[in-house]
Amino acid sequence: MKKIVRDPRKKRRVRIRKKIRGVQERPRMSVFRSNKHIYVQIVDDTSGRVLACASSLSDEFRGKAVQGTGIEGAKIVGAMIAEKAMARDIGQVVFDRGGYLYHGRVKALAEVAREKGLKF
């Protein structure tokens, strides 16, 4: 029996994940945001491994003078994930916004990651 999904974000997430898949050459960049923090991972779906990750809870982020909430924090996390991806020779990714609308913190993270050299 199929599980009924009523949360609009979860419905969008399922619809998006049916269409995109991260492979070795072009892994998936997955975004999750909570009320306080934002998290991003670069995932190879064929092997099921996380290649790089960054969040507003990491030690590198805490060294900055910005709190985890808001667009400024998302911009810092976007820059961190782009640097980590470039260090692992990942130049292209598939962007998975996780069912969130493309505005605010998600948009800020994506734009900074693009500016730092990731292509998606």
N, C-alpha and C. Protein backbone atom coordinates (compact mmCIF):
# COMPACT_ATOMS: atom_id res chain seq x y z
N MET A 1 0.84 -1.17 0.00
CA MET A 1 0.00 0.00 0.00
C MET A 1 0.89 1.24 0.00
N LYS A 2 0.55 2.20 -0.83
CA LYS A 2 1.35 3.42 -0.95
C LYS A 2 1.07 4.36 0.21
N LYS A 3 2.13 4.95 0.74
CA LYS A 3 2.01 5.88 1.85
C LYS A 3 1.51 7.23 1.33
N ILE A 4 0.54 7.80 2.02
CA ILE A 4 -0.02 9.08 1.63
C ILE A 4 0.84 10.19 2.23
N VAL A 5 1.29 11.12 1.39
CA VAL A 5 2.11 12.24 1.83
C VAL A 5 1.25 13.49 1.76
N ARG A 6 1.06 14.15 2.91
CA ARG A 6 0.19 15.32 2.93
C ARG A 6 0.95 16.64 3.06
N ASP A 7 2.16 16.59 3.57
CA ASP A 7 2.93 17.80 3.73
C ASP A 7 3.34 18.32 2.35
N PRO A 8 3.03 19.56 2.01
CA PRO A 8 3.35 20.08 0.67
C PRO A 8 4.85 20.02 0.34
N ARG A 9 5.72 20.29 1.31
CA ARG A 9 7.15 20.23 1.04
C ARG A 9 7.58 18.80 0.72
N LYS A 10 7.05 17.85 1.46
CA LYS A 10 7.40 16.46 1.21
C LYS A 10 6.88 15.99 -0.15
N LYS A 11 5.73 16.49 -0.56
CA LYS A 11 5.21 16.15 -1.89
C LYS A 11 6.13 16.69 -2.97
N ARG A 12 6.57 17.93 -2.81
CA ARG A 12 7.50 18.50 -3.79
C ARG A 12 8.82 17.75 -3.78
N ARG A 13 9.30 17.36 -2.60
CA ARG A 13 10.57 16.63 -2.48
C ARG A 13 10.50 15.30 -3.21
N VAL A 14 9.43 14.56 -3.04
CA VAL A 14 9.26 13.28 -3.72
C VAL A 14 9.23 13.48 -5.23
N ARG A 15 8.51 14.49 -5.68
CA ARG A 15 8.39 14.79 -7.11
C ARG A 15 9.75 15.15 -7.70
N ILE A 16 10.55 15.92 -6.97
CA ILE A 16 11.88 16.31 -7.45
C ILE A 16 12.82 15.11 -7.48
N ARG A 17 12.79 14.29 -6.42
CA ARG A 17 13.74 13.17 -6.32
C ARG A 17 13.48 12.09 -7.34
N LYS A 18 12.25 12.03 -7.89
CA LYS A 18 11.98 11.07 -8.96
C LYS A 18 12.76 11.42 -10.22
N LYS A 19 13.04 12.70 -10.40
CA LYS A 19 13.64 13.17 -11.64
C LYS A 19 15.15 13.31 -11.59
N ILE A 20 15.72 13.58 -10.42
CA ILE A 20 17.16 13.82 -10.36
C ILE A 20 17.87 12.68 -9.65
N ARG A 21 19.12 12.47 -10.06
CA ARG A 21 19.93 11.40 -9.50
C ARG A 21 21.39 11.85 -9.55
N GLY A 22 22.10 11.69 -8.46
CA GLY A 22 23.51 12.07 -8.42
C GLY A 22 24.38 10.89 -8.80
N VAL A 23 25.27 11.08 -9.75
CA VAL A 23 26.20 10.04 -10.18
C VAL A 23 27.62 10.48 -9.89
N GLN A 24 28.59 9.61 -10.15
CA GLN A 24 29.99 9.90 -9.84
C GLN A 24 30.47 11.18 -10.53
N GLU A 25 30.13 11.35 -11.80
CA GLU A 25 30.60 12.51 -12.56
C GLU A 25 29.88 13.80 -12.14
N ARG A 26 28.62 13.66 -11.74
CA ARG A 26 27.82 14.83 -11.37
C ARG A 26 26.95 14.48 -10.16
N PRO A 27 27.51 14.59 -8.95
CA PRO A 27 26.76 14.21 -7.75
C PRO A 27 25.65 15.21 -7.42
N ARG A 28 24.80 14.82 -6.50
CA ARG A 28 23.65 15.62 -6.10
C ARG A 28 24.02 16.49 -4.90
N MET A 29 23.68 17.77 -4.98
CA MET A 29 23.89 18.68 -3.85
C MET A 29 22.54 18.88 -3.17
N SER A 30 22.39 18.28 -2.00
CA SER A 30 21.12 18.26 -1.28
C SER A 30 21.12 19.30 -0.17
N VAL A 31 20.03 20.07 -0.08
CA VAL A 31 19.91 21.14 0.90
C VAL A 31 18.79 20.80 1.88
N PHE A 32 19.06 21.01 3.17
CA PHE A 32 18.03 20.90 4.20
C PHE A 32 18.12 22.15 5.06
N ARG A 33 16.98 22.74 5.34
CA ARG A 33 16.99 23.90 6.22
C ARG A 33 15.97 23.69 7.33
N SER A 34 16.38 24.07 8.51
CA SER A 34 15.46 24.06 9.65
C SER A 34 15.20 25.51 10.02
N ASN A 35 14.49 25.72 11.09
CA ASN A 35 14.21 27.10 11.50
C ASN A 35 15.48 27.83 11.93
N LYS A 36 16.45 27.08 12.49
CA LYS A 36 17.65 27.71 13.01
C LYS A 36 18.86 27.55 12.11
N HIS A 37 18.99 26.43 11.39
CA HIS A 37 20.23 26.11 10.70
C HIS A 37 19.96 25.68 9.26
N ILE A 38 21.05 25.60 8.49
CA ILE A 38 20.98 25.12 7.12
C ILE A 38 22.11 24.12 6.91
N TYR A 39 21.80 23.05 6.20
CA TYR A 39 22.75 21.96 5.97
C TYR A 39 22.79 21.66 4.48
N VAL A 40 23.96 21.29 3.98
CA VAL A 40 24.08 20.91 2.57
C VAL A 40 25.07 19.76 2.46
N GLN A 41 24.74 18.79 1.59
CA GLN A 41 25.60 17.64 1.37
C GLN A 41 25.76 17.42 -0.13
N ILE A 42 26.90 16.93 -0.53
CA ILE A 42 27.11 16.49 -1.90
C ILE A 42 27.16 14.97 -1.85
N VAL A 43 26.19 14.32 -2.54
CA VAL A 43 25.97 12.89 -2.41
C VAL A 43 26.13 12.20 -3.76
N ASP A 44 26.83 11.06 -3.76
CA ASP A 44 26.89 10.17 -4.91
C ASP A 44 25.85 9.08 -4.68
N ASP A 45 24.72 9.13 -5.41
CA ASP A 45 23.62 8.21 -5.17
C ASP A 45 23.92 6.79 -5.63
N THR A 46 24.83 6.60 -6.58
CA THR A 46 25.12 5.25 -7.04
C THR A 46 25.83 4.44 -5.96
N SER A 47 26.76 5.07 -5.24
CA SER A 47 27.45 4.36 -4.16
C SER A 47 26.86 4.66 -2.79
N GLY A 48 25.97 5.66 -2.71
CA GLY A 48 25.35 6.01 -1.43
C GLY A 48 26.29 6.67 -0.46
N ARG A 49 27.27 7.41 -0.97
CA ARG A 49 28.26 8.06 -0.10
C ARG A 49 28.13 9.57 -0.13
N VAL A 50 28.39 10.19 1.00
CA VAL A 50 28.44 11.64 1.10
C VAL A 50 29.87 12.06 0.78
N LEU A 51 30.03 12.87 -0.26
CA LEU A 51 31.36 13.29 -0.69
C LEU A 51 31.85 14.53 0.03
N ALA A 52 30.93 15.42 0.37
CA ALA A 52 31.29 16.64 1.10
C ALA A 52 30.04 17.15 1.82
N CYS A 53 30.26 17.84 2.93
CA CYS A 53 29.12 18.40 3.65
C CYS A 53 29.53 19.69 4.34
N ALA A 54 28.54 20.53 4.56
CA ALA A 54 28.76 21.78 5.29
C ALA A 54 27.45 22.16 5.97
N SER A 55 27.54 22.83 7.09
CA SER A 55 26.34 23.28 7.78
C SER A 55 26.66 24.48 8.64
N SER A 56 25.61 25.08 9.14
CA SER A 56 25.79 26.22 10.04
C SER A 56 26.13 25.77 11.45
N LEU A 57 26.27 24.46 11.67
CA LEU A 57 26.69 23.93 12.96
C LEU A 57 28.16 23.53 12.98
N SER A 58 28.82 23.56 11.83
CA SER A 58 30.20 23.08 11.75
C SER A 58 31.16 24.05 12.44
N ASP A 59 32.34 23.55 12.76
CA ASP A 59 33.33 24.36 13.45
C ASP A 59 33.84 25.50 12.56
N GLU A 60 33.95 25.26 11.26
CA GLU A 60 34.41 26.32 10.35
C GLU A 60 33.44 27.48 10.34
N PHE A 61 32.15 27.16 10.41
CA PHE A 61 31.13 28.20 10.40
C PHE A 61 31.16 29.00 11.70
N ARG A 62 31.40 28.32 12.81
CA ARG A 62 31.40 29.01 14.10
C ARG A 62 32.53 30.02 14.22
N GLY A 63 33.57 29.86 13.40
CA GLY A 63 34.66 30.82 13.40
C GLY A 63 34.26 32.16 12.80
N LYS A 64 33.20 32.16 12.00
CA LYS A 64 32.70 33.40 11.40
C LYS A 64 31.87 34.17 12.43
N ALA A 65 31.64 35.44 12.18
CA ALA A 65 30.92 36.28 13.15
C ALA A 65 29.44 36.40 12.79
N VAL A 66 28.84 35.32 12.25
CA VAL A 66 27.44 35.36 11.85
C VAL A 66 26.72 34.19 12.51
N GLN A 67 25.49 34.38 12.90
CA GLN A 67 24.71 33.28 13.47
C GLN A 67 24.22 32.39 12.34
N GLY A 68 23.71 31.20 12.69
CA GLY A 68 23.29 30.22 11.71
C GLY A 68 22.03 30.56 10.97
N THR A 69 21.25 31.46 11.48
CA THR A 69 20.00 31.77 10.83
C THR A 69 20.18 32.86 9.80
N GLY A 70 19.31 32.89 8.85
CA GLY A 70 19.27 33.97 7.90
C GLY A 70 20.08 33.76 6.64
N ILE A 71 19.95 34.70 5.76
CA ILE A 71 20.56 34.63 4.44
C ILE A 71 22.08 34.74 4.53
N GLU A 72 22.59 35.54 5.43
CA GLU A 72 24.04 35.69 5.56
C GLU A 72 24.69 34.36 5.96
N GLY A 73 24.07 33.64 6.85
CA GLY A 73 24.58 32.33 7.23
C GLY A 73 24.54 31.35 6.08
N ALA A 74 23.48 31.40 5.28
CA ALA A 74 23.36 30.51 4.13
C ALA A 74 24.43 30.82 3.09
N LYS A 75 24.78 32.09 2.94
CA LYS A 75 25.84 32.45 1.99
C LYS A 75 27.18 31.88 2.42
N ILE A 76 27.46 31.90 3.71
CA ILE A 76 28.72 31.34 4.21
C ILE A 76 28.76 29.83 4.01
N VAL A 77 27.64 29.16 4.26
CA VAL A 77 27.57 27.71 4.07
C VAL A 77 27.73 27.38 2.59
N GLY A 78 27.15 28.18 1.70
CA GLY A 78 27.32 27.97 0.26
C GLY A 78 28.76 28.10 -0.18
N ALA A 79 29.46 29.06 0.38
CA ALA A 79 30.88 29.23 0.06
C ALA A 79 31.70 28.06 0.60
N MET A 80 31.35 27.57 1.79
CA MET A 80 32.08 26.45 2.39
C MET A 80 31.92 25.18 1.56
N ILE A 81 30.70 24.90 1.10
CA ILE A 81 30.48 23.67 0.33
C ILE A 81 31.15 23.76 -1.03
N ALA A 82 31.18 24.95 -1.62
CA ALA A 82 31.85 25.10 -2.92
C ALA A 82 33.35 24.88 -2.78
N GLU A 83 33.95 25.39 -1.72
CA GLU A 83 35.38 25.18 -1.49
C GLU A 83 35.70 23.71 -1.27
N LYS A 84 34.86 23.03 -0.48
CA LYS A 84 35.09 21.60 -0.23
C LYS A 84 34.92 20.78 -1.51
N ALA A 85 33.95 21.15 -2.33
CA ALA A 85 33.73 20.43 -3.59
C ALA A 85 34.91 20.63 -4.53
N MET A 86 35.40 21.85 -4.63
CA MET A 86 36.54 22.13 -5.51
C MET A 86 37.79 21.40 -5.02
N ALA A 87 37.94 21.26 -3.72
CA ALA A 87 39.09 20.54 -3.18
C ALA A 87 39.03 19.06 -3.54
N ARG A 88 37.82 18.52 -3.71
CA ARG A 88 37.66 17.12 -4.11
C ARG A 88 37.46 16.95 -5.60
N ASP A 89 37.75 17.97 -6.39
CA ASP A 89 37.63 17.97 -7.86
C ASP A 89 36.20 17.69 -8.32
N ILE A 90 35.24 18.28 -7.64
CA ILE A 90 33.84 18.21 -8.05
C ILE A 90 33.49 19.57 -8.62
N GLY A 91 33.29 19.63 -9.93
CA GLY A 91 32.99 20.91 -10.57
C GLY A 91 31.53 21.09 -10.92
N GLN A 92 30.84 19.97 -11.18
CA GLN A 92 29.43 20.02 -11.55
C GLN A 92 28.61 19.19 -10.60
N VAL A 93 27.46 19.71 -10.21
CA VAL A 93 26.55 18.99 -9.33
C VAL A 93 25.13 19.14 -9.86
N VAL A 94 24.23 18.32 -9.34
CA VAL A 94 22.80 18.44 -9.59
C VAL A 94 22.22 19.04 -8.32
N PHE A 95 21.50 20.16 -8.44
CA PHE A 95 20.99 20.86 -7.27
C PHE A 95 19.65 20.26 -6.83
N ASP A 96 19.59 19.78 -5.60
CA ASP A 96 18.37 19.23 -5.00
C ASP A 96 17.96 20.18 -3.89
N ARG A 97 16.93 20.96 -4.13
CA ARG A 97 16.51 21.96 -3.14
C ARG A 97 15.67 21.36 -2.03
N GLY A 98 15.43 20.05 -2.07
CA GLY A 98 14.77 19.36 -0.98
C GLY A 98 13.31 19.71 -0.80
N GLY A 99 12.65 20.17 -1.84
CA GLY A 99 11.24 20.52 -1.75
C GLY A 99 11.00 21.94 -1.28
N TYR A 100 12.05 22.65 -0.94
CA TYR A 100 11.89 24.05 -0.53
C TYR A 100 11.78 24.92 -1.77
N LEU A 101 11.06 26.02 -1.65
CA LEU A 101 10.95 26.95 -2.76
C LEU A 101 12.29 27.64 -2.97
N TYR A 102 12.58 27.98 -4.21
CA TYR A 102 13.87 28.57 -4.54
C TYR A 102 13.83 30.07 -4.28
N HIS A 103 13.93 30.43 -3.02
CA HIS A 103 14.06 31.83 -2.62
C HIS A 103 14.59 31.88 -1.21
N GLY A 104 15.02 33.03 -0.77
CA GLY A 104 15.52 33.18 0.58
C GLY A 104 16.84 32.48 0.80
N ARG A 105 16.92 31.67 1.85
CA ARG A 105 18.17 31.02 2.23
C ARG A 105 18.64 30.01 1.19
N VAL A 106 17.72 29.26 0.59
CA VAL A 106 18.09 28.26 -0.41
C VAL A 106 18.69 28.95 -1.64
N LYS A 107 18.07 30.02 -2.07
CA LYS A 107 18.56 30.77 -3.23
C LYS A 107 19.92 31.40 -2.93
N ALA A 108 20.09 31.96 -1.75
CA ALA A 108 21.36 32.58 -1.37
C ALA A 108 22.48 31.56 -1.37
N LEU A 109 22.23 30.38 -0.80
CA LEU A 109 23.23 29.32 -0.77
C LEU A 109 23.62 28.91 -2.19
N ALA A 110 22.64 28.73 -3.06
CA ALA A 110 22.90 28.29 -4.43
C ALA A 110 23.68 29.34 -5.21
N GLU A 111 23.32 30.61 -5.07
CA GLU A 111 24.00 31.66 -5.84
C GLU A 111 25.45 31.80 -5.43
N VAL A 112 25.74 31.72 -4.14
CA VAL A 112 27.13 31.83 -3.68
C VAL A 112 27.94 30.62 -4.13
N ALA A 113 27.34 29.43 -4.10
CA ALA A 113 28.03 28.24 -4.56
C ALA A 113 28.37 28.36 -6.05
N ARG A 114 27.47 28.95 -6.83
CA ARG A 114 27.75 29.18 -8.26
C ARG A 114 28.88 30.19 -8.44
N GLU A 115 28.86 31.25 -7.65
CA GLU A 115 29.90 32.27 -7.75
C GLU A 115 31.29 31.70 -7.42
N LYS A 116 31.33 30.74 -6.49
CA LYS A 116 32.59 30.14 -6.08
C LYS A 116 33.08 29.06 -7.03
N GLY A 117 32.29 28.75 -8.08
CA GLY A 117 32.78 27.84 -9.12
C GLY A 117 32.00 26.58 -9.36
N LEU A 118 31.02 26.25 -8.54
CA LEU A 118 30.21 25.05 -8.82
C LEU A 118 29.27 25.33 -9.98
N LYS A 119 29.08 24.35 -10.84
CA LYS A 119 28.19 24.50 -11.99
C LYS A 119 26.97 23.62 -11.78
N PHE A 120 25.78 24.25 -11.84
CA PHE A 120 24.50 23.53 -11.79
C PHE A 120 23.42 24.41 -12.32
